[in-house]
Amino acid sequence: MKDHIYNEQNGLHYTLHGDVYLPDLAYSKNDYPPLGKYGRMRQTYLKENFKAQYSLMLMNDTLWPHLLEIDR
């Protein structure tokens, strides 16, 4: 069996671990400064009232820059 494969249907690379192929997933490691009062308030507001938008921003890695801008 190959150690690495590529699935053209979903565009993911897989690595063999034991008898199972697991997707090669990675997250972006951004070192953002900590949020202040207003950034945390905006985060809570989005999380409670706009769950879809919050999730979308979180997945697109646009949430933290948005919260930092609000905090400024």
C-alpha atoms as a PDB file:
ATOM      1  CA  MET A   1       0.000   0.000   0.000  1.00  0.00           C
ATOM      2  CA  LYS A   2       1.157   3.523  -0.721  1.00  0.00           C
ATOM      3  CA  ASP A   3       2.113   5.784   2.186  1.00  0.00           C
ATOM      4  CA  HIS A   4       0.497   8.866   0.636  1.00  0.00           C
ATOM      5  CA  ILE A   5      -2.469   9.203  -1.715  1.00  0.00           C
ATOM      6  CA  TYR A   6      -4.414  12.093  -3.236  1.00  0.00           C
ATOM      7  CA  ASN A   7      -8.188  12.065  -3.699  1.00  0.00           C
ATOM      8  CA  GLU A   8      -9.168  14.151  -6.728  1.00  0.00           C
ATOM      9  CA  GLN A   9     -12.864  14.216  -5.770  1.00  0.00           C
ATOM     10  CA  ASN A  10     -12.350  16.200  -2.569  1.00  0.00           C
ATOM     11  CA  GLY A  11      -8.836  17.560  -3.166  1.00  0.00           C
ATOM     12  CA  LEU A  12      -7.331  16.110   0.022  1.00  0.00           C
ATOM     13  CA  HIS A  13      -4.064  14.294   0.590  1.00  0.00           C
ATOM     14  CA  TYR A  14      -4.087  11.208   2.817  1.00  0.00           C
ATOM     15  CA  THR A  15      -1.326   9.445   4.777  1.00  0.00           C
ATOM     16  CA  LEU A  16      -1.370   5.794   5.793  1.00  0.00           C
ATOM     17  CA  HIS A  17      -1.428   5.287   9.587  1.00  0.00           C
ATOM     18  CA  GLY A  18      -1.536   1.587  10.403  1.00  0.00           C
ATOM     19  CA  ASP A  19      -4.321   0.196   8.206  1.00  0.00           C
ATOM     20  CA  VAL A  20      -6.218   3.473   7.773  1.00  0.00           C
ATOM     21  CA  TYR A  21      -5.688   6.491   5.548  1.00  0.00           C
ATOM     22  CA  LEU A  22      -6.140   9.741   7.484  1.00  0.00           C
ATOM     23  CA  PRO A  23      -6.427  13.156   5.813  1.00  0.00           C
ATOM     24  CA  ASP A  24      -3.486  15.529   6.081  1.00  0.00           C
ATOM     25  CA  LEU A  25      -5.209  18.418   7.823  1.00  0.00           C
ATOM     26  CA  ALA A  26      -3.501  21.499   9.206  1.00  0.00           C
ATOM     27  CA  TYR A  27      -4.641  24.668  10.880  1.00  0.00           C
ATOM     28  CA  SER A  28      -3.196  28.109  10.438  1.00  0.00           C
ATOM     29  CA  LYS A  29      -0.981  29.124  13.316  1.00  0.00           C
ATOM     30  CA  ASN A  30      -1.373  32.865  13.693  1.00  0.00           C
ATOM     31  CA  ASP A  31       0.037  34.621  16.708  1.00  0.00           C
ATOM     32  CA  TYR A  32      -2.515  37.334  17.275  1.00  0.00           C
ATOM     33  CA  PRO A  33      -2.330  39.572  20.328  1.00  0.00           C
ATOM     34  CA  PRO A  34      -4.875  38.986  23.088  1.00  0.00           C
ATOM     35  CA  LEU A  35      -8.296  40.571  22.786  1.00  0.00           C
ATOM     36  CA  GLY A  36      -9.416  43.442  24.949  1.00  0.00           C
ATOM     37  CA  LYS A  37     -12.837  44.151  26.402  1.00  0.00           C
ATOM     38  CA  TYR A  38     -14.594  45.225  23.184  1.00  0.00           C
ATOM     39  CA  GLY A  39     -13.120  42.418  21.077  1.00  0.00           C
ATOM     40  CA  ARG A  40     -14.366  39.839  23.578  1.00  0.00           C
ATOM     41  CA  MET A  41     -17.778  41.526  23.703  1.00  0.00           C
ATOM     42  CA  ARG A  42     -18.029  41.388  19.890  1.00  0.00           C
ATOM     43  CA  GLN A  43     -16.982  37.731  19.894  1.00  0.00           C
ATOM     44  CA  THR A  44     -19.703  36.857  22.417  1.00  0.00           C
ATOM     45  CA  TYR A  45     -22.276  38.867  20.452  1.00  0.00           C
ATOM     46  CA  LEU A  46     -21.446  37.106  17.186  1.00  0.00           C
ATOM     47  CA  LYS A  47     -21.347  33.687  18.833  1.00  0.00           C
ATOM     48  CA  GLU A  48     -24.776  34.126  20.467  1.00  0.00           C
ATOM     49  CA  ASN A  49     -26.663  36.033  17.757  1.00  0.00           C
ATOM     50  CA  PHE A  50     -24.999  35.219  14.414  1.00  0.00           C
ATOM     51  CA  LYS A  51     -23.851  31.615  14.755  1.00  0.00           C
ATOM     52  CA  ALA A  52     -23.539  30.984  11.003  1.00  0.00           C
ATOM     53  CA  GLN A  53     -21.517  34.146  10.387  1.00  0.00           C
ATOM     54  CA  TYR A  54     -19.339  33.404  13.432  1.00  0.00           C
ATOM     55  CA  SER A  55     -18.611  29.870  12.195  1.00  0.00           C
ATOM     56  CA  LEU A  56     -17.899  31.070   8.665  1.00  0.00           C
ATOM     57  CA  MET A  57     -15.491  33.743   9.880  1.00  0.00           C
ATOM     58  CA  LEU A  58     -13.808  31.212  12.159  1.00  0.00           C
ATOM     59  CA  MET A  59     -13.300  28.741   9.304  1.00  0.00           C
ATOM     60  CA  ASN A  60     -12.064  31.429   6.884  1.00  0.00           C
ATOM     61  CA  ASP A  61      -9.625  32.759   9.491  1.00  0.00           C
ATOM     62  CA  THR A  62     -11.161  36.237   9.336  1.00  0.00           C
ATOM     63  CA  LEU A  63     -12.678  36.248  12.823  1.00  0.00           C
ATOM     64  CA  TRP A  64      -9.600  37.226  14.816  1.00  0.00           C
ATOM     65  CA  PRO A  65      -8.556  40.139  12.560  1.00  0.00           C
ATOM     66  CA  HIS A  66     -12.170  41.383  12.721  1.00  0.00           C
ATOM     67  CA  LEU A  67     -12.205  41.176  16.510  1.00  0.00           C
ATOM     68  CA  LEU A  68      -8.875  42.980  16.751  1.00  0.00           C
ATOM     69  CA  GLU A  69     -10.198  45.768  14.527  1.00  0.00           C
ATOM     70  CA  ILE A  70     -13.278  46.151  16.728  1.00  0.00           C
ATOM     71  CA  ASP A  71     -11.060  46.181  19.801  1.00  0.00           C
ATOM     72  CA  ARG A  72      -8.949  49.029  18.379  1.00  0.00           C
END
